[in-house]
Amino acid sequence: MLAFAVPESSKPTAAGWCLKSMSAALFLFDPAWSSTLYVLSPFARFFLLLLVLVGMYTVYFASVALLRLRALRLPENHGSFRKSLDLLEHRSANLRQLIVAMVYLFGLTFFLQIQNAFWTPENNRPVGLMVLENFADSFRFGAFIFLVFLALHSIQWFVSSRIRAAAHLLSTR
């Protein structure tokens, strides 16, 4: 086995290494995780597409909101600062509602997906074991989606707390 010297500046951080190793262990080395996408219904795949779009919008909003808050640190005009904070609070509330709507849509998608567990081909295997194997795919799908929702909620919560802190700072001046 060859060992290569990696410059100190290009080594990943501890959090980056942990995330990389977890995702590699989760998706690459367990064929059950990577095959879960193929057993999903078209509605579940459409939900995944919507979830990716909501995730991209969440990251976009978080970066824009944090950049605007950074730019508003030294307000010359309290009225324009308040107006910008109100706009950010409104967009943050809309994002929160969008994430909640996606959770409800996930519930619908998940329970529709569970119904597919009872569709089994006719062969000599016991039906109970085949249904349990099909449930495993649905539960993997559900666990992954809840992990994504946790990340989206954490991002939205962090940005919302920064907006509230800036509003509190403005109200104390």
N, C-alpha and C. Protein backbone atom coordinates (compact mmCIF):
# COMPACT_ATOMS: atom_id res chain seq x y z
N MET A 1 0.85 -1.17 0.00
CA MET A 1 0.00 0.00 0.00
C MET A 1 0.89 1.23 0.00
N LEU A 2 0.62 2.17 -0.89
CA LEU A 2 1.41 3.38 -0.99
C LEU A 2 0.85 4.46 -0.10
N ALA A 3 1.74 5.22 0.51
CA ALA A 3 1.30 6.34 1.34
C ALA A 3 1.83 7.61 0.69
N PHE A 4 0.96 8.57 0.51
CA PHE A 4 1.34 9.84 -0.09
C PHE A 4 1.31 10.91 0.98
N ALA A 5 2.24 11.82 0.89
CA ALA A 5 2.28 12.94 1.81
C ALA A 5 1.27 13.99 1.36
N VAL A 6 0.37 14.34 2.26
CA VAL A 6 -0.66 15.34 1.95
C VAL A 6 -0.28 16.62 2.68
N PRO A 7 -0.21 17.73 1.95
CA PRO A 7 0.09 19.00 2.64
C PRO A 7 -0.93 19.28 3.72
N GLU A 8 -0.49 19.91 4.79
CA GLU A 8 -1.35 20.19 5.94
C GLU A 8 -2.54 21.05 5.54
N SER A 9 -2.36 21.98 4.59
CA SER A 9 -3.45 22.88 4.22
C SER A 9 -4.56 22.17 3.45
N SER A 10 -4.27 21.05 2.81
CA SER A 10 -5.30 20.37 2.03
C SER A 10 -5.98 19.24 2.79
N LYS A 11 -5.58 19.01 4.04
CA LYS A 11 -6.24 17.98 4.83
C LYS A 11 -7.61 18.48 5.26
N PRO A 12 -8.61 17.60 5.22
CA PRO A 12 -9.95 18.05 5.62
C PRO A 12 -10.04 18.31 7.11
N THR A 13 -10.96 19.17 7.48
CA THR A 13 -11.19 19.43 8.89
C THR A 13 -11.82 18.19 9.51
N ALA A 14 -11.89 18.18 10.84
CA ALA A 14 -12.47 17.03 11.53
C ALA A 14 -13.93 16.84 11.14
N ALA A 15 -14.67 17.94 11.06
CA ALA A 15 -16.09 17.83 10.69
C ALA A 15 -16.23 17.38 9.24
N GLY A 16 -15.40 17.90 8.36
CA GLY A 16 -15.45 17.50 6.95
C GLY A 16 -15.09 16.04 6.78
N TRP A 17 -14.08 15.59 7.51
CA TRP A 17 -13.69 14.19 7.42
C TRP A 17 -14.79 13.29 7.94
N CYS A 18 -15.42 13.68 9.05
CA CYS A 18 -16.49 12.88 9.65
C CYS A 18 -17.67 12.78 8.69
N LEU A 19 -18.08 13.91 8.10
CA LEU A 19 -19.20 13.91 7.16
C LEU A 19 -18.88 13.07 5.93
N LYS A 20 -17.65 13.20 5.43
CA LYS A 20 -17.24 12.44 4.26
C LYS A 20 -17.22 10.94 4.54
N SER A 21 -16.70 10.56 5.68
CA SER A 21 -16.62 9.14 5.99
C SER A 21 -18.00 8.56 6.28
N MET A 22 -18.89 9.35 6.91
CA MET A 22 -20.24 8.87 7.17
C MET A 22 -21.01 8.67 5.87
N SER A 23 -20.91 9.65 4.96
CA SER A 23 -21.65 9.51 3.70
C SER A 23 -21.07 8.38 2.85
N ALA A 24 -19.75 8.21 2.89
CA ALA A 24 -19.15 7.11 2.14
C ALA A 24 -19.58 5.78 2.72
N ALA A 25 -19.59 5.67 4.03
CA ALA A 25 -19.99 4.43 4.68
C ALA A 25 -21.48 4.16 4.45
N LEU A 26 -22.26 5.22 4.41
CA LEU A 26 -23.70 5.05 4.29
C LEU A 26 -24.13 4.67 2.88
N PHE A 27 -23.58 5.33 1.88
CA PHE A 27 -24.09 5.15 0.53
C PHE A 27 -23.23 4.24 -0.36
N LEU A 28 -21.94 4.22 -0.16
CA LEU A 28 -21.09 3.47 -1.07
C LEU A 28 -20.88 2.02 -0.65
N PHE A 29 -20.75 1.78 0.64
CA PHE A 29 -20.38 0.46 1.08
C PHE A 29 -21.57 -0.43 1.44
N ASP A 30 -22.73 0.15 1.59
CA ASP A 30 -23.92 -0.64 1.86
C ASP A 30 -24.80 -0.60 0.62
N PRO A 31 -24.84 -1.67 -0.14
CA PRO A 31 -25.62 -1.64 -1.38
C PRO A 31 -27.11 -1.44 -1.14
N ALA A 32 -27.58 -1.71 0.06
CA ALA A 32 -29.00 -1.51 0.34
C ALA A 32 -29.37 -0.03 0.26
N TRP A 33 -28.46 0.86 0.71
CA TRP A 33 -28.75 2.30 0.65
C TRP A 33 -28.78 2.78 -0.79
N SER A 34 -27.83 2.34 -1.57
CA SER A 34 -27.79 2.84 -2.95
C SER A 34 -28.89 2.23 -3.80
N SER A 35 -29.40 1.06 -3.43
CA SER A 35 -30.47 0.45 -4.21
C SER A 35 -31.85 0.96 -3.81
N THR A 36 -31.93 1.71 -2.71
CA THR A 36 -33.23 2.20 -2.24
C THR A 36 -33.86 3.14 -3.27
N LEU A 37 -33.06 3.91 -3.96
CA LEU A 37 -33.58 4.85 -4.95
C LEU A 37 -34.33 4.12 -6.07
N TYR A 38 -33.88 2.93 -6.41
CA TYR A 38 -34.49 2.20 -7.51
C TYR A 38 -35.84 1.60 -7.16
N VAL A 39 -36.13 1.40 -5.88
CA VAL A 39 -37.40 0.80 -5.50
C VAL A 39 -38.45 1.85 -5.14
N LEU A 40 -38.10 3.12 -5.21
CA LEU A 40 -39.05 4.17 -4.87
C LEU A 40 -40.08 4.35 -5.98
N SER A 41 -41.26 4.75 -5.56
CA SER A 41 -42.33 5.02 -6.53
C SER A 41 -42.03 6.34 -7.25
N PRO A 42 -42.67 6.57 -8.38
CA PRO A 42 -42.47 7.86 -9.08
C PRO A 42 -42.84 9.07 -8.21
N PHE A 43 -43.88 8.92 -7.37
CA PHE A 43 -44.26 10.01 -6.48
C PHE A 43 -43.16 10.31 -5.46
N ALA A 44 -42.51 9.26 -4.94
CA ALA A 44 -41.41 9.44 -3.99
C ALA A 44 -40.21 10.08 -4.67
N ARG A 45 -39.95 9.72 -5.91
CA ARG A 45 -38.85 10.36 -6.64
C ARG A 45 -39.15 11.82 -6.91
N PHE A 46 -40.41 12.14 -7.21
CA PHE A 46 -40.81 13.54 -7.39
C PHE A 46 -40.64 14.30 -6.09
N PHE A 47 -40.98 13.67 -4.96
CA PHE A 47 -40.76 14.30 -3.67
C PHE A 47 -39.28 14.58 -3.43
N LEU A 48 -38.43 13.63 -3.79
CA LEU A 48 -36.98 13.84 -3.64
C LEU A 48 -36.51 15.04 -4.46
N LEU A 49 -37.04 15.18 -5.67
CA LEU A 49 -36.69 16.33 -6.50
C LEU A 49 -37.12 17.63 -5.82
N LEU A 50 -38.34 17.65 -5.28
CA LEU A 50 -38.80 18.84 -4.56
C LEU A 50 -37.94 19.11 -3.33
N LEU A 51 -37.55 18.07 -2.64
CA LEU A 51 -36.72 18.23 -1.45
C LEU A 51 -35.35 18.80 -1.80
N VAL A 52 -34.79 18.37 -2.92
CA VAL A 52 -33.51 18.92 -3.37
C VAL A 52 -33.67 20.42 -3.67
N LEU A 53 -34.77 20.78 -4.32
CA LEU A 53 -35.02 22.19 -4.64
C LEU A 53 -35.19 23.02 -3.36
N VAL A 54 -35.93 22.49 -2.40
CA VAL A 54 -36.10 23.20 -1.12
C VAL A 54 -34.76 23.31 -0.39
N GLY A 55 -33.96 22.26 -0.45
CA GLY A 55 -32.64 22.31 0.17
C GLY A 55 -31.74 23.36 -0.47
N MET A 56 -31.78 23.44 -1.78
CA MET A 56 -30.97 24.45 -2.47
C MET A 56 -31.47 25.86 -2.12
N TYR A 57 -32.79 26.05 -2.06
CA TYR A 57 -33.32 27.35 -1.69
C TYR A 57 -32.96 27.71 -0.25
N THR A 58 -32.97 26.72 0.65
CA THR A 58 -32.62 26.97 2.04
C THR A 58 -31.18 27.44 2.16
N VAL A 59 -30.28 26.76 1.47
CA VAL A 59 -28.86 27.17 1.51
C VAL A 59 -28.69 28.55 0.88
N TYR A 60 -29.39 28.80 -0.23
CA TYR A 60 -29.32 30.11 -0.88
C TYR A 60 -29.83 31.21 0.06
N PHE A 61 -31.00 30.99 0.68
CA PHE A 61 -31.55 31.99 1.58
C PHE A 61 -30.63 32.22 2.77
N ALA A 62 -30.08 31.15 3.32
CA ALA A 62 -29.20 31.28 4.48
C ALA A 62 -27.97 32.11 4.13
N SER A 63 -27.37 31.85 2.98
CA SER A 63 -26.18 32.61 2.61
C SER A 63 -26.53 34.07 2.33
N VAL A 64 -27.63 34.33 1.64
CA VAL A 64 -28.03 35.71 1.36
C VAL A 64 -28.38 36.44 2.66
N ALA A 65 -29.12 35.80 3.54
CA ALA A 65 -29.51 36.44 4.79
C ALA A 65 -28.30 36.75 5.66
N LEU A 66 -27.36 35.82 5.76
CA LEU A 66 -26.18 36.08 6.59
C LEU A 66 -25.31 37.17 5.99
N LEU A 67 -25.22 37.21 4.65
CA LEU A 67 -24.46 38.29 4.02
C LEU A 67 -25.13 39.64 4.23
N ARG A 68 -26.45 39.69 4.14
CA ARG A 68 -27.16 40.95 4.37
C ARG A 68 -27.02 41.39 5.82
N LEU A 69 -27.09 40.45 6.75
CA LEU A 69 -26.91 40.82 8.16
C LEU A 69 -25.50 41.35 8.42
N ARG A 70 -24.54 40.77 7.75
CA ARG A 70 -23.18 41.26 7.91
C ARG A 70 -23.04 42.67 7.33
N ALA A 71 -23.68 42.92 6.20
CA ALA A 71 -23.62 44.24 5.57
C ALA A 71 -24.38 45.28 6.39
N LEU A 72 -25.34 44.86 7.19
CA LEU A 72 -26.16 45.79 7.97
C LEU A 72 -25.63 46.03 9.38
N ARG A 73 -24.42 45.65 9.64
CA ARG A 73 -23.89 45.79 11.01
C ARG A 73 -23.77 47.25 11.44
N LEU A 74 -23.42 48.11 10.53
CA LEU A 74 -23.28 49.52 10.85
C LEU A 74 -24.34 50.32 10.09
N PRO A 75 -25.55 50.34 10.62
CA PRO A 75 -26.61 51.03 9.88
C PRO A 75 -26.48 52.54 10.00
N GLU A 76 -26.63 53.19 8.87
CA GLU A 76 -26.65 54.65 8.89
C GLU A 76 -28.06 55.14 9.15
N ASN A 77 -29.03 54.38 8.69
CA ASN A 77 -30.43 54.77 8.81
C ASN A 77 -31.18 53.62 9.47
N HIS A 78 -31.73 53.89 10.66
CA HIS A 78 -32.44 52.83 11.39
C HIS A 78 -33.69 52.37 10.64
N GLY A 79 -34.32 53.27 9.88
CA GLY A 79 -35.53 52.91 9.14
C GLY A 79 -35.24 51.88 8.06
N SER A 80 -34.17 52.08 7.31
CA SER A 80 -33.85 51.11 6.26
C SER A 80 -33.34 49.80 6.86
N PHE A 81 -32.65 49.89 8.00
CA PHE A 81 -32.18 48.70 8.68
C PHE A 81 -33.37 47.88 9.17
N ARG A 82 -34.36 48.55 9.74
CA ARG A 82 -35.56 47.87 10.23
C ARG A 82 -36.34 47.24 9.07
N LYS A 83 -36.40 47.97 7.95
CA LYS A 83 -37.11 47.46 6.78
C LYS A 83 -36.42 46.19 6.25
N SER A 84 -35.10 46.20 6.19
CA SER A 84 -34.35 45.03 5.74
C SER A 84 -34.54 43.85 6.68
N LEU A 85 -34.54 44.12 7.99
CA LEU A 85 -34.76 43.04 8.96
C LEU A 85 -36.17 42.48 8.85
N ASP A 86 -37.15 43.35 8.63
CA ASP A 86 -38.52 42.86 8.46
C ASP A 86 -38.64 41.97 7.24
N LEU A 87 -37.98 42.35 6.15
CA LEU A 87 -38.01 41.53 4.94
C LEU A 87 -37.35 40.17 5.19
N LEU A 88 -36.20 40.16 5.89
CA LEU A 88 -35.53 38.90 6.20
C LEU A 88 -36.38 38.03 7.12
N GLU A 89 -37.03 38.66 8.11
CA GLU A 89 -37.91 37.89 9.00
C GLU A 89 -39.08 37.28 8.23
N HIS A 90 -39.64 38.04 7.30
CA HIS A 90 -40.75 37.54 6.48
C HIS A 90 -40.30 36.36 5.62
N ARG A 91 -39.15 36.47 4.98
CA ARG A 91 -38.65 35.38 4.14
C ARG A 91 -38.29 34.16 4.99
N SER A 92 -37.79 34.39 6.21
CA SER A 92 -37.47 33.29 7.10
C SER A 92 -38.74 32.56 7.53
N ALA A 93 -39.80 33.30 7.80
CA ALA A 93 -41.08 32.68 8.16
C ALA A 93 -41.63 31.88 6.97
N ASN A 94 -41.50 32.42 5.76
CA ASN A 94 -41.94 31.68 4.57
C ASN A 94 -41.15 30.39 4.40
N LEU A 95 -39.85 30.45 4.63
CA LEU A 95 -39.02 29.25 4.53
C LEU A 95 -39.43 28.22 5.57
N ARG A 96 -39.71 28.68 6.78
CA ARG A 96 -40.16 27.78 7.84
C ARG A 96 -41.45 27.07 7.41
N GLN A 97 -42.39 27.82 6.83
CA GLN A 97 -43.65 27.23 6.38
C GLN A 97 -43.42 26.26 5.22
N LEU A 98 -42.47 26.57 4.35
CA LEU A 98 -42.15 25.68 3.24
C LEU A 98 -41.59 24.35 3.75
N ILE A 99 -40.73 24.42 4.76
CA ILE A 99 -40.17 23.19 5.33
C ILE A 99 -41.26 22.37 6.01
N VAL A 100 -42.18 23.03 6.72
CA VAL A 100 -43.29 22.31 7.36
C VAL A 100 -44.17 21.66 6.29
N ALA A 101 -44.44 22.36 5.20
CA ALA A 101 -45.24 21.78 4.12
C ALA A 101 -44.55 20.57 3.52
N MET A 102 -43.23 20.63 3.41
CA MET A 102 -42.49 19.48 2.89
C MET A 102 -42.56 18.29 3.86
N VAL A 103 -42.59 18.56 5.16
CA VAL A 103 -42.74 17.47 6.13
C VAL A 103 -44.09 16.79 5.93
N TYR A 104 -45.15 17.58 5.74
CA TYR A 104 -46.47 16.99 5.50
C TYR A 104 -46.49 16.20 4.19
N LEU A 105 -45.87 16.74 3.16
CA LEU A 105 -45.81 16.01 1.90
C LEU A 105 -45.00 14.73 2.05
N PHE A 106 -43.97 14.77 2.87
CA PHE A 106 -43.20 13.56 3.14
C PHE A 106 -44.07 12.50 3.82
N GLY A 107 -44.90 12.93 4.78
CA GLY A 107 -45.79 11.97 5.44
C GLY A 107 -46.69 11.27 4.44
N LEU A 108 -47.26 12.05 3.53
CA LEU A 108 -48.09 11.46 2.48
C LEU A 108 -47.28 10.51 1.61
N THR A 109 -46.11 10.96 1.19
CA THR A 109 -45.25 10.14 0.33
C THR A 109 -44.83 8.86 1.04
N PHE A 110 -44.47 8.97 2.30
CA PHE A 110 -43.99 7.82 3.06
C PHE A 110 -45.09 6.76 3.19
N PHE A 111 -46.28 7.20 3.52
CA PHE A 111 -47.35 6.21 3.70
C PHE A 111 -47.83 5.63 2.37
N LEU A 112 -47.74 6.40 1.30
CA LEU A 112 -48.02 5.82 -0.01
C LEU A 112 -46.93 4.82 -0.40
N GLN A 113 -45.69 5.12 -0.02
CA GLN A 113 -44.57 4.22 -0.31
C GLN A 113 -44.68 2.92 0.48
N ILE A 114 -45.16 3.00 1.71
CA ILE A 114 -45.30 1.80 2.53
C ILE A 114 -46.29 0.82 1.90
N GLN A 115 -47.30 1.34 1.21
CA GLN A 115 -48.26 0.45 0.56
C GLN A 115 -47.59 -0.44 -0.48
N ASN A 116 -46.51 0.04 -1.07
CA ASN A 116 -45.79 -0.75 -2.06
C ASN A 116 -45.10 -1.96 -1.45
N ALA A 117 -44.93 -1.98 -0.13
CA ALA A 117 -44.25 -3.11 0.52
C ALA A 117 -45.03 -4.39 0.38
N PHE A 118 -46.33 -4.31 0.18
CA PHE A 118 -47.16 -5.51 0.10
C PHE A 118 -47.24 -6.07 -1.32
N TRP A 119 -46.64 -5.39 -2.29
CA TRP A 119 -46.59 -5.90 -3.65
C TRP A 119 -45.40 -6.84 -3.77
N THR A 120 -45.67 -8.10 -3.89
CA THR A 120 -44.59 -9.09 -3.96
C THR A 120 -44.78 -9.95 -5.19
N PRO A 121 -43.69 -10.32 -5.84
CA PRO A 121 -43.82 -11.23 -6.97
C PRO A 121 -44.15 -12.64 -6.45
N GLU A 122 -44.78 -13.39 -7.27
CA GLU A 122 -45.13 -14.75 -6.86
C GLU A 122 -43.94 -15.66 -7.08
N ASN A 123 -43.43 -16.18 -5.99
CA ASN A 123 -42.36 -17.18 -6.05
C ASN A 123 -42.46 -18.06 -4.81
N ASN A 124 -41.46 -18.82 -4.54
CA ASN A 124 -41.55 -19.81 -3.46
C ASN A 124 -41.13 -19.26 -2.09
N ARG A 125 -40.77 -17.99 -2.02
CA ARG A 125 -40.37 -17.42 -0.74
C ARG A 125 -41.59 -17.08 0.10
N PRO A 126 -41.47 -17.13 1.43
CA PRO A 126 -42.58 -16.72 2.28
C PRO A 126 -42.89 -15.23 2.10
N VAL A 127 -44.17 -14.91 2.04
CA VAL A 127 -44.58 -13.53 1.77
C VAL A 127 -44.18 -12.60 2.92
N GLY A 128 -44.26 -13.07 4.15
CA GLY A 128 -43.93 -12.24 5.31
C GLY A 128 -42.52 -11.70 5.25
N LEU A 129 -41.55 -12.53 4.87
CA LEU A 129 -40.16 -12.07 4.78
C LEU A 129 -39.99 -11.04 3.66
N MET A 130 -40.67 -11.26 2.56
CA MET A 130 -40.56 -10.31 1.44
C MET A 130 -41.16 -8.96 1.82
N VAL A 131 -42.27 -8.96 2.54
CA VAL A 131 -42.89 -7.70 2.98
C VAL A 131 -41.95 -6.97 3.94
N LEU A 132 -41.34 -7.71 4.87
CA LEU A 132 -40.40 -7.08 5.80
C LEU A 132 -39.19 -6.49 5.07
N GLU A 133 -38.70 -7.17 4.05
CA GLU A 133 -37.59 -6.62 3.26
C GLU A 133 -38.02 -5.35 2.54
N ASN A 134 -39.24 -5.33 2.04
CA ASN A 134 -39.74 -4.13 1.37
C ASN A 134 -39.94 -2.98 2.37
N PHE A 135 -40.34 -3.30 3.60
CA PHE A 135 -40.44 -2.27 4.64
C PHE A 135 -39.07 -1.67 4.92
N ALA A 136 -38.04 -2.47 4.86
CA ALA A 136 -36.69 -1.97 5.13
C ALA A 136 -36.32 -0.87 4.15
N ASP A 137 -36.68 -1.02 2.88
CA ASP A 137 -36.41 0.04 1.91
C ASP A 137 -37.16 1.32 2.25
N SER A 138 -38.41 1.18 2.65
CA SER A 138 -39.20 2.36 3.02
C SER A 138 -38.63 3.03 4.26
N PHE A 139 -38.19 2.25 5.22
CA PHE A 139 -37.63 2.84 6.44
C PHE A 139 -36.29 3.51 6.18
N ARG A 140 -35.49 2.94 5.28
CA ARG A 140 -34.24 3.61 4.90
C ARG A 140 -34.54 4.96 4.27
N PHE A 141 -35.51 4.98 3.38
CA PHE A 141 -35.94 6.21 2.73
C PHE A 141 -36.39 7.23 3.78
N GLY A 142 -37.21 6.79 4.73
CA GLY A 142 -37.70 7.68 5.77
C GLY A 142 -36.58 8.22 6.66
N ALA A 143 -35.64 7.37 7.02
CA ALA A 143 -34.54 7.82 7.88
C ALA A 143 -33.69 8.87 7.17
N PHE A 144 -33.43 8.66 5.90
CA PHE A 144 -32.64 9.63 5.15
C PHE A 144 -33.37 10.96 5.03
N ILE A 145 -34.65 10.92 4.75
CA ILE A 145 -35.42 12.15 4.60
C ILE A 145 -35.48 12.91 5.92
N PHE A 146 -35.66 12.21 7.03
CA PHE A 146 -35.66 12.91 8.32
C PHE A 146 -34.30 13.52 8.64
N LEU A 147 -33.22 12.90 8.21
CA LEU A 147 -31.90 13.50 8.37
C LEU A 147 -31.79 14.79 7.57
N VAL A 148 -32.33 14.80 6.35
CA VAL A 148 -32.33 16.01 5.54
C VAL A 148 -33.18 17.09 6.19
N PHE A 149 -34.34 16.71 6.72
CA PHE A 149 -35.20 17.69 7.39
C PHE A 149 -34.51 18.27 8.62
N LEU A 150 -33.77 17.47 9.34
CA LEU A 150 -33.03 17.97 10.49
C LEU A 150 -32.00 19.00 10.05
N ALA A 151 -31.31 18.74 8.96
CA ALA A 151 -30.33 19.71 8.45
C ALA A 151 -31.01 20.99 7.99
N LEU A 152 -32.11 20.87 7.25
CA LEU A 152 -32.83 22.07 6.79
C LEU A 152 -33.36 22.88 7.96
N HIS A 153 -33.91 22.20 8.94
CA HIS A 153 -34.42 22.91 10.11
C HIS A 153 -33.29 23.60 10.87
N SER A 154 -32.16 22.95 10.99
CA SER A 154 -31.02 23.54 11.70
C SER A 154 -30.52 24.80 11.00
N ILE A 155 -30.44 24.75 9.69
CA ILE A 155 -30.01 25.93 8.93
C ILE A 155 -31.00 27.06 9.11
N GLN A 156 -32.30 26.76 8.97
CA GLN A 156 -33.33 27.78 9.11
C GLN A 156 -33.34 28.33 10.52
N TRP A 157 -33.17 27.50 11.51
CA TRP A 157 -33.15 27.95 12.90
C TRP A 157 -31.97 28.88 13.16
N PHE A 158 -30.80 28.53 12.64
CA PHE A 158 -29.61 29.36 12.84
C PHE A 158 -29.80 30.74 12.21
N VAL A 159 -30.28 30.77 10.99
CA VAL A 159 -30.49 32.06 10.31
C VAL A 159 -31.55 32.88 11.02
N SER A 160 -32.63 32.23 11.43
CA SER A 160 -33.69 32.93 12.15
C SER A 160 -33.18 33.51 13.47
N SER A 161 -32.33 32.79 14.15
CA SER A 161 -31.78 33.31 15.41
C SER A 161 -30.86 34.50 15.16
N ARG A 162 -30.12 34.49 14.08
CA ARG A 162 -29.27 35.64 13.74
C ARG A 162 -30.12 36.86 13.39
N ILE A 163 -31.23 36.65 12.70
CA ILE A 163 -32.13 37.76 12.36
C ILE A 163 -32.76 38.32 13.63
N ARG A 164 -33.20 37.45 14.54
CA ARG A 164 -33.79 37.92 15.80
C ARG A 164 -32.76 38.66 16.65
N ALA A 165 -31.52 38.18 16.64
CA ALA A 165 -30.47 38.86 17.41
C ALA A 165 -30.22 40.26 16.84
N ALA A 166 -30.22 40.39 15.53
CA ALA A 166 -30.03 41.71 14.93
C ALA A 166 -31.22 42.62 15.23
N ALA A 167 -32.43 42.08 15.22
CA ALA A 167 -33.62 42.88 15.56
C ALA A 167 -33.57 43.31 17.01
N HIS A 168 -33.12 42.42 17.89
CA HIS A 168 -33.00 42.78 19.30
C HIS A 168 -31.95 43.87 19.50
N LEU A 169 -30.85 43.76 18.78
CA LEU A 169 -29.80 44.78 18.87
C LEU A 169 -30.33 46.13 18.40
N LEU A 170 -31.13 46.14 17.38
CA LEU A 170 -31.71 47.39 16.87
C LEU A 170 -32.69 47.97 17.88
N SER A 171 -33.49 47.13 18.52
CA SER A 171 -34.48 47.64 19.47
C SER A 171 -33.83 48.18 20.74
N THR A 172 -32.63 47.75 21.09
CA THR A 172 -31.95 48.25 22.29
C THR A 172 -31.22 49.55 22.03
N ARG A 173 -31.06 49.92 20.78
CA ARG A 173 -30.36 51.18 20.47
C ARG A 173 -31.26 52.36 20.62
